[in-house]
C-alpha atoms as a PDB file:
ATOM      1  CA  MET A   1     -14.741  24.802  -8.112  1.00  0.00           C
ATOM      2  CA  TRP A   2     -15.497  21.763  -9.288  1.00  0.00           C
ATOM      3  CA  GLY A   3     -12.508  20.156  -9.935  1.00  0.00           C
ATOM      4  CA  ARG A   4      -8.473  20.971  -9.980  1.00  0.00           C
ATOM      5  CA  THR A   5      -6.497  21.209 -13.401  1.00  0.00           C
ATOM      6  CA  LEU A   6      -2.985  19.337 -12.374  1.00  0.00           C
ATOM      7  CA  ASP A   7      -0.266  20.747 -14.526  1.00  0.00           C
ATOM      8  CA  PHE A   8       2.455  18.045 -15.720  1.00  0.00           C
ATOM      9  CA  PHE A   9       5.343  18.082 -13.500  1.00  0.00           C
ATOM     10  CA  GLY A  10       3.682  18.013  -9.888  1.00  0.00           C
ATOM     11  CA  VAL A  11       3.829  21.642  -9.256  1.00  0.00           C
ATOM     12  CA  GLU A  12       0.710  22.284  -7.367  1.00  0.00           C
ATOM     13  CA  ALA A  13       0.163  19.703  -4.705  1.00  0.00           C
ATOM     14  CA  PRO A  14      -1.898  21.545  -2.232  1.00  0.00           C
ATOM     15  CA  VAL A  15      -2.722  17.700  -1.039  1.00  0.00           C
ATOM     16  CA  ALA A  16      -1.043  14.526  -0.433  1.00  0.00           C
ATOM     17  CA  GLY A  17      -0.647  12.891  -3.203  1.00  0.00           C
ATOM     18  CA  ASP A  18      -1.537  15.137  -6.105  1.00  0.00           C
ATOM     19  CA  THR A  19       2.664  15.250  -7.259  1.00  0.00           C
ATOM     20  CA  ALA A  20       2.742  11.395  -8.443  1.00  0.00           C
ATOM     21  CA  ARG A  21      -1.205  11.822  -9.653  1.00  0.00           C
ATOM     22  CA  SER A  22       0.014  15.135 -11.606  1.00  0.00           C
ATOM     23  CA  GLY A  23       3.289  13.384 -13.008  1.00  0.00           C
ATOM     24  CA  ALA A  24       1.224  10.145 -13.661  1.00  0.00           C
ATOM     25  CA  LEU A  25      -1.898  11.352 -15.507  1.00  0.00           C
ATOM     26  CA  GLY A  26       0.338  13.748 -17.283  1.00  0.00           C
ATOM     27  CA  TYR A  27       2.591  11.525 -18.286  1.00  0.00           C
ATOM     28  CA  ALA A  28      -0.648   9.755 -20.295  1.00  0.00           C
ATOM     29  CA  ALA A  29      -2.234  12.806 -21.253  1.00  0.00           C
ATOM     30  CA  ASP A  30       1.321  12.814 -22.790  1.00  0.00           C
ATOM     31  CA  VAL A  31       1.090   9.823 -25.253  1.00  0.00           C
ATOM     32  CA  PHE A  32      -2.700  10.595 -26.031  1.00  0.00           C
ATOM     33  CA  SER A  33      -1.821  13.624 -26.903  1.00  0.00           C
ATOM     34  CA  ALA A  34       1.141  12.372 -29.466  1.00  0.00           C
ATOM     35  CA  ILE A  35      -1.018   9.903 -30.510  1.00  0.00           C
ATOM     36  CA  ALA A  36      -3.773  11.950 -31.086  1.00  0.00           C
ATOM     37  CA  GLY A  37      -2.051  15.090 -32.804  1.00  0.00           C
ATOM     38  CA  ALA A  38      -3.035  17.521 -30.146  1.00  0.00           C
ATOM     39  CA  SER A  39      -1.719  21.000 -30.002  1.00  0.00           C
ATOM     40  CA  GLY A  40      -2.691  21.020 -26.283  1.00  0.00           C
ATOM     41  CA  ARG A  41      -3.836  19.630 -23.319  1.00  0.00           C
ATOM     42  CA  GLU A  42      -5.090  19.294 -19.744  1.00  0.00           C
ATOM     43  CA  VAL A  43      -5.806  16.829 -17.384  1.00  0.00           C
ATOM     44  CA  HIS A  44      -8.282  17.778 -14.760  1.00  0.00           C
ATOM     45  CA  TRP A  45      -8.900  15.874 -11.269  1.00  0.00           C
ATOM     46  CA  PHE A  46     -12.372  15.113  -9.255  1.00  0.00           C
ATOM     47  CA  PRO A  47     -11.516  13.005  -6.101  1.00  0.00           C
ATOM     48  CA  ASP A  48     -14.997  13.038  -5.306  1.00  0.00           C
ATOM     49  CA  GLY A  49     -16.635  13.464  -8.181  1.00  0.00           C
ATOM     50  CA  VAL A  50     -18.564  15.677 -10.944  1.00  0.00           C
ATOM     51  CA  GLY A  51     -21.156  17.296  -8.434  1.00  0.00           C
ATOM     52  CA  ARG A  52     -24.619  18.274  -9.308  1.00  0.00           C
ATOM     53  CA  ARG A  53     -24.720  21.347 -11.003  1.00  0.00           C
ATOM     54  CA  GLU A  54     -26.194  24.308  -9.017  1.00  0.00           C
ATOM     55  CA  GLY A  55     -28.541  27.566  -9.640  1.00  0.00           C
ATOM     56  CA  GLY A  56     -26.795  29.670 -11.332  1.00  0.00           C
ATOM     57  CA  GLU A  57     -23.305  28.107 -11.619  1.00  0.00           C
ATOM     58  CA  GLU A  58     -21.597  28.255 -14.327  1.00  0.00           C
ATOM     59  CA  CYS A  59     -20.208  24.707 -16.089  1.00  0.00           C
ATOM     60  CA  ASP A  60     -17.581  24.139 -18.649  1.00  0.00           C
ATOM     61  CA  ASP A  61     -17.096  21.645 -20.725  1.00  0.00           C
ATOM     62  CA  VAL A  62     -15.207  19.080 -19.093  1.00  0.00           C
ATOM     63  CA  THR A  63     -17.809  18.852 -16.469  1.00  0.00           C
ATOM     64  CA  ALA A  64     -20.317  18.578 -18.789  1.00  0.00           C
ATOM     65  CA  VAL A  65     -18.845  15.366 -20.549  1.00  0.00           C
ATOM     66  CA  ALA A  66     -18.693  13.958 -16.579  1.00  0.00           C
ATOM     67  CA  ARG A  67     -22.320  14.806 -15.860  1.00  0.00           C
ATOM     68  CA  GLU A  68     -23.363  13.554 -19.818  1.00  0.00           C
ATOM     69  CA  LEU A  69     -21.907  10.151 -19.166  1.00  0.00           C
ATOM     70  CA  GLN A  70     -22.846  10.424 -15.772  1.00  0.00           C
ATOM     71  CA  LEU A  71     -26.311  10.654 -17.234  1.00  0.00           C
ATOM     72  CA  ARG A  72     -26.068   7.796 -19.537  1.00  0.00           C
ATOM     73  CA  ALA A  73     -24.400   5.345 -16.911  1.00  0.00           C
ATOM     74  CA  ALA A  74     -21.718   5.633 -19.953  1.00  0.00           C
ATOM     75  CA  PRO A  75     -18.674   2.453 -18.532  1.00  0.00           C
ATOM     76  CA  LEU A  76     -15.752   4.105 -18.316  1.00  0.00           C
ATOM     77  CA  PRO A  77     -12.947   5.009 -19.861  1.00  0.00           C
ATOM     78  CA  ALA A  78     -14.773   6.452 -22.439  1.00  0.00           C
ATOM     79  CA  LEU A  79     -13.595   8.975 -25.592  1.00  0.00           C
ATOM     80  CA  VAL A  80     -15.736  11.727 -26.451  1.00  0.00           C
ATOM     81  CA  VAL A  81     -15.113  14.015 -29.520  1.00  0.00           C
ATOM     82  CA  ARG A  82     -16.686  17.355 -29.657  1.00  0.00           C
ATOM     83  CA  SER A  83     -15.813  18.406 -32.897  1.00  0.00           C
ATOM     84  CA  ARG A  84     -17.713  22.234 -32.269  1.00  0.00           C
ATOM     85  CA  SER A  85     -15.519  23.024 -29.412  1.00  0.00           C
ATOM     86  CA  ARG A  86     -12.276  23.880 -30.563  1.00  0.00           C
ATOM     87  CA  GLY A  87     -11.889  20.427 -32.222  1.00  0.00           C
ATOM     88  CA  ALA A  88     -11.983  18.767 -28.650  1.00  0.00           C
ATOM     89  CA  LEU A  89     -11.250  15.092 -27.371  1.00  0.00           C
ATOM     90  CA  PHE A  90     -12.212  14.026 -23.848  1.00  0.00           C
ATOM     91  CA  LEU A  91     -11.009  11.003 -21.605  1.00  0.00           C
ATOM     92  CA  VAL A  92     -12.831  10.233 -18.751  1.00  0.00           C
ATOM     93  CA  LEU A  93     -11.096   8.057 -16.730  1.00  0.00           C
ATOM     94  CA  GLY A  94     -12.384   6.544 -13.785  1.00  0.00           C
ATOM     95  CA  GLN A  95     -15.650   5.768 -11.694  1.00  0.00           C
ATOM     96  CA  HIS A  96     -18.585   8.305 -11.834  1.00  0.00           C
ATOM     97  CA  GLY A  97     -19.612   9.421  -8.156  1.00  0.00           C
ATOM     98  CA  GLY A  98     -15.332   9.609  -8.295  1.00  0.00           C
ATOM     99  CA  PRO A  99     -12.638   9.256  -8.216  1.00  0.00           C
ATOM    100  CA  LEU A 100     -12.169  11.015 -11.318  1.00  0.00           C
ATOM    101  CA  ALA A 101      -9.864  12.124 -14.134  1.00  0.00           C
ATOM    102  CA  ILE A 102     -10.714  13.894 -17.486  1.00  0.00           C
ATOM    103  CA  ILE A 103      -7.788  13.924 -20.037  1.00  0.00           C
ATOM    104  CA  ARG A 104      -8.858  17.044 -22.378  1.00  0.00           C
ATOM    105  CA  LEU A 105      -7.533  17.834 -26.151  1.00  0.00           C
ATOM    106  CA  GLU A 106      -7.489  20.219 -28.229  1.00  0.00           C
ATOM    107  CA  SER A 107      -7.183  20.448 -31.961  1.00  0.00           C
ATOM    108  CA  ALA A 108      -5.260  23.930 -33.338  1.00  0.00           C
ATOM    109  CA  GLU A 109      -7.132  22.690 -36.769  1.00  0.00           C
ATOM    110  CA  ARG A 110     -11.177  23.022 -36.643  1.00  0.00           C
ATOM    111  CA  GLY A 111     -10.970  19.025 -35.352  1.00  0.00           C
ATOM    112  CA  PHE A 112      -9.274  16.151 -34.866  1.00  0.00           C
ATOM    113  CA  ARG A 113      -9.215  13.698 -38.313  1.00  0.00           C
ATOM    114  CA  PRO A 114     -11.031  10.058 -37.693  1.00  0.00           C
ATOM    115  CA  PRO A 115      -7.845   8.022 -38.706  1.00  0.00           C
ATOM    116  CA  ARG A 116      -6.195   9.906 -35.090  1.00  0.00           C
ATOM    117  CA  ILE A 117      -9.030   9.787 -33.236  1.00  0.00           C
ATOM    118  CA  ALA A 118      -9.866   5.998 -34.336  1.00  0.00           C
ATOM    119  CA  GLN A 119      -5.906   4.980 -33.139  1.00  0.00           C
ATOM    120  CA  THR A 120      -7.092   7.010 -30.353  1.00  0.00           C
ATOM    121  CA  ARG A 121      -9.420   4.383 -28.998  1.00  0.00           C
ATOM    122  CA  ARG A 122      -7.736   1.752 -29.980  1.00  0.00           C
ATOM    123  CA  PHE A 123      -4.896   3.277 -27.282  1.00  0.00           C
ATOM    124  CA  LEU A 124      -7.602   3.261 -25.017  1.00  0.00           C
ATOM    125  CA  GLU A 125      -9.653   0.535 -25.216  1.00  0.00           C
ATOM    126  CA  GLU A 126      -5.958  -1.207 -25.233  1.00  0.00           C
ATOM    127  CA  HIS A 127      -5.019   0.767 -21.618  1.00  0.00           C
ATOM    128  CA  GLY A 128      -7.285   2.388 -20.670  1.00  0.00           C
ATOM    129  CA  GLY A 129      -8.490   0.055 -17.988  1.00  0.00           C
ATOM    130  CA  ALA A 130      -5.471  -0.357 -16.328  1.00  0.00           C
ATOM    131  CA  ILE A 131      -5.313   3.809 -15.915  1.00  0.00           C
ATOM    132  CA  THR A 132      -8.609   3.735 -14.850  1.00  0.00           C
ATOM    133  CA  HIS A 133      -7.703   1.172 -12.017  1.00  0.00           C
ATOM    134  CA  TRP A 134      -4.718   3.171 -11.143  1.00  0.00           C
ATOM    135  CA  VAL A 135      -6.828   6.306 -11.099  1.00  0.00           C
ATOM    136  CA  VAL A 136      -9.456   4.684  -8.474  1.00  0.00           C
ATOM    137  CA  ASP A 137      -7.214   2.955  -6.653  1.00  0.00           C
ATOM    138  CA  GLY A 138      -5.041   5.401  -5.931  1.00  0.00           C
ATOM    139  CA  GLY A 139      -7.757   8.351  -5.463  1.00  0.00           C
ATOM    140  CA  ALA A 140      -8.344   7.067  -1.777  1.00  0.00           C
ATOM    141  CA  PRO A 141      -5.359   5.925   0.552  1.00  0.00           C
ATOM    142  CA  SER A 142      -7.657   4.815   3.272  1.00  0.00           C
ATOM    143  CA  TRP A 143      -9.996   3.011   1.088  1.00  0.00           C
ATOM    144  CA  SER A 144      -9.162  -1.101   1.718  1.00  0.00           C
ATOM    145  CA  ARG A 145      -6.816  -2.272  -1.027  1.00  0.00           C
ATOM    146  CA  ASN A 146      -7.036  -6.047   0.137  1.00  0.00           C
ATOM    147  CA  ASN A 147      -6.872  -8.347  -3.046  1.00  0.00           C
ATOM    148  CA  THR A 148     -10.063 -10.786  -2.338  1.00  0.00           C
ATOM    149  CA  THR A 149     -11.092 -12.534  -5.456  1.00  0.00           C
ATOM    150  CA  VAL A 150     -14.303 -11.639  -7.343  1.00  0.00           C
ATOM    151  CA  SER A 151     -16.362 -14.356  -8.846  1.00  0.00           C
ATOM    152  CA  PHE A 152     -19.243 -14.948 -10.673  1.00  0.00           C
ATOM    153  CA  VAL A 153     -20.450 -17.176 -12.906  1.00  0.00           C
ATOM    154  CA  ILE A 154     -21.365 -16.673 -17.163  1.00  0.00           C
ATOM    155  CA  ASP A 155     -23.467 -18.894 -19.326  1.00  0.00           C
ATOM    156  CA  GLU A 156     -22.420 -19.024 -23.139  1.00  0.00           C
ATOM    157  CA  ARG A 157     -23.887 -15.361 -23.973  1.00  0.00           C
ATOM    158  CA  LEU A 158     -21.306 -14.049 -21.455  1.00  0.00           C
ATOM    159  CA  ARG A 159     -24.283 -13.079 -19.274  1.00  0.00           C
ATOM    160  CA  PRO A 160     -23.939 -13.245 -15.230  1.00  0.00           C
ATOM    161  CA  ALA A 161     -26.085 -16.496 -13.855  1.00  0.00           C
ATOM    162  CA  LEU A 162     -24.818 -15.937  -9.986  1.00  0.00           C
ATOM    163  CA  VAL A 163     -23.079 -12.869  -8.970  1.00  0.00           C
ATOM    164  CA  GLU A 164     -21.854 -12.807  -4.962  1.00  0.00           C
ATOM    165  CA  ALA A 165     -22.728  -9.965  -2.677  1.00  0.00           C
ATOM    166  CA  SER A 166     -19.886  -6.803  -2.234  1.00  0.00           C
ATOM    167  CA  GLY A 167     -17.672  -7.886   0.955  1.00  0.00           C
ATOM    168  CA  GLU A 168     -18.107  -5.377   3.640  1.00  0.00           C
ATOM    169  CA  ASN A 169     -13.705  -4.548   3.634  1.00  0.00           C
ATOM    170  CA  GLU A 170     -14.192  -4.104   0.160  1.00  0.00           C
ATOM    171  CA  SER A 171     -12.289  -1.272  -1.870  1.00  0.00           C
ATOM    172  CA  PRO A 172     -14.366   0.588  -4.662  1.00  0.00           C
ATOM    173  CA  LEU A 173     -12.235  -1.213  -7.199  1.00  0.00           C
ATOM    174  CA  HIS A 174     -14.083  -4.482  -7.114  1.00  0.00           C
ATOM    175  CA  ALA A 175     -16.653  -2.635  -8.279  1.00  0.00           C
ATOM    176  CA  LEU A 176     -14.724  -2.318 -11.776  1.00  0.00           C
ATOM    177  CA  TYR A 177     -14.979  -5.566 -12.340  1.00  0.00           C
ATOM    178  CA  ARG A 178     -18.269  -7.052 -10.501  1.00  0.00           C
ATOM    179  CA  PRO A 179     -21.177  -7.387 -13.477  1.00  0.00           C
ATOM    180  CA  ARG A 180     -23.940  -4.880 -12.462  1.00  0.00           C
ATOM    181  CA  GLU A 181     -27.786  -4.574 -13.966  1.00  0.00           C
ATOM    182  CA  GLY A 182     -27.338  -8.281 -15.637  1.00  0.00           C
ATOM    183  CA  CYS A 183     -24.171  -7.554 -17.772  1.00  0.00           C
ATOM    184  CA  THR A 184     -20.555  -8.472 -17.298  1.00  0.00           C
ATOM    185  CA  PRO A 185     -17.960  -5.397 -16.476  1.00  0.00           C
ATOM    186  CA  PRO A 186     -16.952  -3.319 -19.425  1.00  0.00           C
ATOM    187  CA  LEU A 187     -13.240  -4.107 -18.000  1.00  0.00           C
ATOM    188  CA  LEU A 188     -13.356  -7.595 -18.373  1.00  0.00           C
ATOM    189  CA  ILE A 189     -16.108  -8.781 -21.238  1.00  0.00           C
ATOM    190  CA  ASP A 190     -13.433  -8.931 -24.135  1.00  0.00           C
ATOM    191  CA  THR A 191     -11.279 -10.597 -21.768  1.00  0.00           C
ATOM    192  CA  VAL A 192     -13.501 -13.432 -21.444  1.00  0.00           C
ATOM    193  CA  ARG A 193     -15.451 -13.647 -24.682  1.00  0.00           C
ATOM    194  CA  GLU A 194     -11.349 -14.821 -25.529  1.00  0.00           C
ATOM    195  CA  LEU A 195     -11.245 -17.023 -22.564  1.00  0.00           C
ATOM    196  CA  VAL A 196     -14.828 -18.571 -23.590  1.00  0.00           C
ATOM    197  CA  ARG A 197     -13.449 -19.830 -27.324  1.00  0.00           C
ATOM    198  CA  GLU A 198     -10.359 -20.845 -25.574  1.00  0.00           C
ATOM    199  CA  LEU A 199     -11.984 -23.238 -23.446  1.00  0.00           C
ATOM    200  CA  THR A 200     -14.308 -24.210 -26.853  1.00  0.00           C
ATOM    201  CA  ASP A 201     -11.265 -24.831 -28.629  1.00  0.00           C
ATOM    202  CA  HIS A 202      -9.216 -26.677 -25.942  1.00  0.00           C
ATOM    203  CA  PRO A 203     -12.651 -28.647 -24.590  1.00  0.00           C
ATOM    204  CA  SER A 204      -9.804 -30.825 -22.685  1.00  0.00           C
ATOM    205  CA  GLU A 205      -8.825 -28.148 -20.378  1.00  0.00           C
ATOM    206  CA  PRO A 206     -10.662 -26.890 -17.097  1.00  0.00           C
ATOM    207  CA  ALA A 207      -9.476 -23.835 -17.020  1.00  0.00           C
ATOM    208  CA  ALA A 208      -7.762 -20.731 -19.266  1.00  0.00           C
ATOM    209  CA  THR A 209      -6.891 -18.018 -17.808  1.00  0.00           C
ATOM    210  CA  ARG A 210      -5.285 -14.265 -18.394  1.00  0.00           C
ATOM    211  CA  SER A 211      -2.958 -11.299 -16.910  1.00  0.00           C
ATOM    212  CA  LEU A 212      -4.476  -7.797 -17.793  1.00  0.00           C
ATOM    213  CA  PRO A 213      -2.749  -4.427 -16.154  1.00  0.00           C
ATOM    214  CA  PHE A 214      -4.965  -4.068 -13.570  1.00  0.00           C
ATOM    215  CA  ALA A 215      -6.393  -8.068 -12.250  1.00  0.00           C
ATOM    216  CA  PHE A 216      -5.610 -11.869 -13.080  1.00  0.00           C
ATOM    217  CA  VAL A 217      -8.983 -13.499 -14.814  1.00  0.00           C
ATOM    218  CA  ARG A 218      -9.273 -17.248 -14.441  1.00  0.00           C
ATOM    219  CA  LEU A 219     -12.140 -18.873 -16.406  1.00  0.00           C
ATOM    220  CA  SER A 220     -12.899 -22.476 -15.034  1.00  0.00           C
ATOM    221  CA  ARG A 221     -15.764 -24.581 -17.287  1.00  0.00           C
ATOM    222  CA  LEU A 222     -18.423 -25.763 -14.880  1.00  0.00           C
ATOM    223  CA  ALA A 223     -19.615 -29.500 -14.837  1.00  0.00           C
ATOM    224  CA  GLY A 224     -22.803 -31.043 -14.480  1.00  0.00           C
ATOM    225  CA  ALA A 225     -24.860 -28.609 -16.436  1.00  0.00           C
ATOM    226  CA  SER A 226     -26.582 -29.358 -19.945  1.00  0.00           C
ATOM    227  CA  THR A 227     -25.767 -25.734 -20.979  1.00  0.00           C
ATOM    228  CA  PRO A 228     -21.828 -24.457 -20.163  1.00  0.00           C
ATOM    229  CA  TYR A 229     -21.392 -22.390 -17.550  1.00  0.00           C
ATOM    230  CA  TYR A 230     -18.048 -20.819 -16.252  1.00  0.00           C
ATOM    231  CA  LEU A 231     -16.805 -19.552 -13.233  1.00  0.00           C
ATOM    232  CA  VAL A 232     -15.005 -16.221 -13.326  1.00  0.00           C
ATOM    233  CA  SER A 233     -12.391 -15.365 -10.794  1.00  0.00           C
ATOM    234  CA  VAL A 234     -11.149 -11.958 -10.836  1.00  0.00           C
ATOM    235  CA  GLU A 235      -7.894 -11.686  -8.840  1.00  0.00           C
ATOM    236  CA  PRO A 236      -6.596  -7.531  -8.286  1.00  0.00           C
ATOM    237  CA  ALA A 237      -3.278  -7.680  -9.661  1.00  0.00           C
ATOM    238  CA  ARG A 238       0.183  -6.791  -8.125  1.00  0.00           C
ATOM    239  CA  ARG A 239       2.112  -8.141 -10.689  1.00  0.00           C
ATOM    240  CA  ARG A 240       6.011  -7.232  -9.771  1.00  0.00           C
ATOM    241  CA  GLY A 241       5.021  -8.399  -6.143  1.00  0.00           C
ATOM    242  CA  THR A 242       3.373 -11.897  -7.385  1.00  0.00           C
ATOM    243  CA  ILE A 243       6.396 -12.533  -9.557  1.00  0.00           C
ATOM    244  CA  LEU A 244       9.017 -11.503  -6.856  1.00  0.00           C
ATOM    245  CA  ARG A 245       7.229 -14.146  -4.881  1.00  0.00           C
ATOM    246  CA  ALA A 246       7.739 -16.811  -7.185  1.00  0.00           C
ATOM    247  CA  MET A 247      10.960 -15.996  -8.215  1.00  0.00           C
ATOM    248  CA  SER A 248      11.381 -16.356  -3.698  1.00  0.00           C
ATOM    249  CA  ARG A 249       8.942 -19.791  -3.503  1.00  0.00           C
ATOM    250  CA  TYR A 250      10.339 -22.246  -6.832  1.00  0.00           C
ATOM    251  CA  GLN A 251      14.279 -20.534  -7.055  1.00  0.00           C
ATOM    252  CA  LEU A 252      13.395 -18.920 -10.494  1.00  0.00           C
ATOM    253  CA  SER A 253      16.235 -17.162 -12.284  1.00  0.00           C
ATOM    254  CA  ARG A 254      15.878 -13.590 -13.399  1.00  0.00           C
ATOM    255  CA  ARG A 255      15.089 -14.885 -16.695  1.00  0.00           C
ATOM    256  CA  GLU A 256      12.238 -17.064 -15.757  1.00  0.00           C
ATOM    257  CA  GLY A 257      11.085 -14.237 -13.256  1.00  0.00           C
ATOM    258  CA  GLN A 258      10.809 -12.470 -16.715  1.00  0.00           C
ATOM    259  CA  VAL A 259       9.411 -15.335 -18.907  1.00  0.00           C
ATOM    260  CA  LEU A 260       6.818 -16.308 -16.042  1.00  0.00           C
ATOM    261  CA  GLY A 261       5.773 -12.366 -16.485  1.00  0.00           C
ATOM    262  CA  GLU A 262       4.732 -12.542 -20.003  1.00  0.00           C
ATOM    263  CA  VAL A 263       2.801 -16.570 -19.486  1.00  0.00           C
ATOM    264  CA  LEU A 264       0.973 -14.800 -16.971  1.00  0.00           C
ATOM    265  CA  ARG A 265       0.226 -11.706 -19.786  1.00  0.00           C
ATOM    266  CA  GLY A 266      -0.889 -14.648 -22.479  1.00  0.00           C
ATOM    267  CA  LEU A 267       1.597 -14.136 -24.476  1.00  0.00           C
ATOM    268  CA  SER A 268       3.147 -17.486 -26.396  1.00  0.00           C
ATOM    269  CA  SER A 269       6.745 -18.580 -26.741  1.00  0.00           C
ATOM    270  CA  SER A 270       7.299 -16.774 -30.101  1.00  0.00           C
ATOM    271  CA  GLU A 271       5.970 -13.467 -28.428  1.00  0.00           C
ATOM    272  CA  ILE A 272       7.923 -13.912 -25.212  1.00  0.00           C
ATOM    273  CA  GLY A 273      11.096 -14.268 -27.622  1.00  0.00           C
ATOM    274  CA  GLU A 274       9.981 -11.477 -29.856  1.00  0.00           C
ATOM    275  CA  MET A 275       9.544  -9.662 -26.180  1.00  0.00           C
ATOM    276  CA  LEU A 276      12.436 -10.212 -24.486  1.00  0.00           C
ATOM    277  CA  SER A 277      14.895 -10.095 -27.532  1.00  0.00           C
ATOM    278  CA  ILE A 278      15.545 -14.076 -27.479  1.00  0.00           C
ATOM    279  CA  SER A 279      14.498 -16.866 -30.409  1.00  0.00           C
ATOM    280  CA  GLY A 280      10.940 -18.724 -28.789  1.00  0.00           C
ATOM    281  CA  SER A 281      13.169 -21.820 -28.675  1.00  0.00           C
ATOM    282  CA  THR A 282      14.946 -20.408 -25.866  1.00  0.00           C
ATOM    283  CA  ALA A 283      11.454 -19.160 -24.700  1.00  0.00           C
ATOM    284  CA  THR A 284       9.999 -22.801 -24.814  1.00  0.00           C
ATOM    285  CA  PHE A 285      13.280 -23.491 -22.866  1.00  0.00           C
ATOM    286  CA  HIS A 286      12.903 -21.497 -20.079  1.00  0.00           C
ATOM    287  CA  LEU A 287       8.740 -22.182 -19.786  1.00  0.00           C
ATOM    288  CA  LYS A 288       9.516 -26.012 -19.516  1.00  0.00           C
ATOM    289  CA  ALA A 289      11.786 -25.064 -16.394  1.00  0.00           C
ATOM    290  CA  LEU A 290       9.089 -23.443 -15.001  1.00  0.00           C
ATOM    291  CA  LEU A 291       7.291 -25.779 -15.378  1.00  0.00           C
ATOM    292  CA  ARG A 292       9.507 -28.561 -14.082  1.00  0.00           C
ATOM    293  CA  LYS A 293      10.216 -26.118 -11.150  1.00  0.00           C
ATOM    294  CA  THR A 294       6.760 -25.692 -10.049  1.00  0.00           C
ATOM    295  CA  GLY A 295       5.761 -28.736 -10.416  1.00  0.00           C
ATOM    296  CA  SER A 296       2.772 -27.642 -13.071  1.00  0.00           C
ATOM    297  CA  ARG A 297       1.858 -29.800 -16.189  1.00  0.00           C
ATOM    298  CA  ASN A 298       0.855 -27.074 -18.807  1.00  0.00           C
ATOM    299  CA  ARG A 299       0.481 -23.134 -18.641  1.00  0.00           C
ATOM    300  CA  THR A 300      -2.970 -23.097 -16.735  1.00  0.00           C
ATOM    301  CA  GLU A 301      -1.723 -25.095 -13.720  1.00  0.00           C
ATOM    302  CA  LEU A 302       1.624 -22.730 -14.029  1.00  0.00           C
ATOM    303  CA  THR A 303      -0.876 -20.056 -13.266  1.00  0.00           C
ATOM    304  CA  ALA A 304      -2.517 -21.291 -11.123  1.00  0.00           C
ATOM    305  CA  ARG A 305      -0.018 -22.059  -8.790  1.00  0.00           C
ATOM    306  CA  VAL A 306       1.898 -19.245  -9.033  1.00  0.00           C
ATOM    307  CA  LEU A 307      -1.385 -17.235  -8.219  1.00  0.00           C
ATOM    308  CA  GLY A 308      -2.186 -19.585  -5.319  1.00  0.00           C
ATOM    309  CA  TRP A 309      -5.243 -21.016  -7.207  1.00  0.00           C
ATOM    310  CA  ASP A 310      -4.516 -24.769  -6.615  1.00  0.00           C
ATOM    311  CA  GLY A 311      -4.915 -24.434  -2.981  1.00  0.00           C
ATOM    312  CA  GLU A 312      -1.247 -24.161  -2.003  1.00  0.00           C
ATOM    313  CA  SER A 313      -0.258 -21.936   0.499  1.00  0.00           C
END
């Protein structure tokens, strides 16, 4: 048997940890199912990846999709539409070679409508990275889960110019945001592009930061080169622990901690106000308090201090 089909309530759990996995992936499948308008869904879990097909062994559509993506070295997460297979959508999350999870959505009609496919794709692009990160992170509890920062240098075209070697005790998570084959990692490319644009629009700023569901990203402009080069630093995110440490260290209030969390996501004062159901001016008031308490001059310094990028202990 190539993989294990999981239910949505954690009933089938022959291996420790599968209960939480089936519940979380089941919830993700539930959300994707609602967005796509699916009539049914299944979750398949491949802790060791999808192996090679042996002679005479049957291959179902789920493993076929996983193998095809792996042969093409397609970046994950990915969405595959199979109109000939009773209108099925496949969402592949994880890492080629495992751990890998596949959510299979089925339509009672002949196939999924294009607007539904587009909505599902947009949602996957926004949240698939976090799910993929979680699938890989939870796939093997014995792996080291350190917060070692991954760093690499890119040019103005976002092409890696200098990449550090992988660490001996690194988690396979780090491979998700380490450049490979001369390309910036797919999970980071859009964020890095935004940060380069942000520094270009604000030449006086030395760095820009962004908080993703799975990592904190910092882009610093390198000086001295005839053409622009940038240092990308990626730190595996443990957002809740980071905010709690900051609240304790800087004596922040509960509301200031909430505002800090949204600042780390890159939200503006007005967006923070909408997210926390407060006015934009109130959000600005709390942001100024955060800057004062942390001794920061701007959002970039604030993020650097909270994440420990300023060199302070």
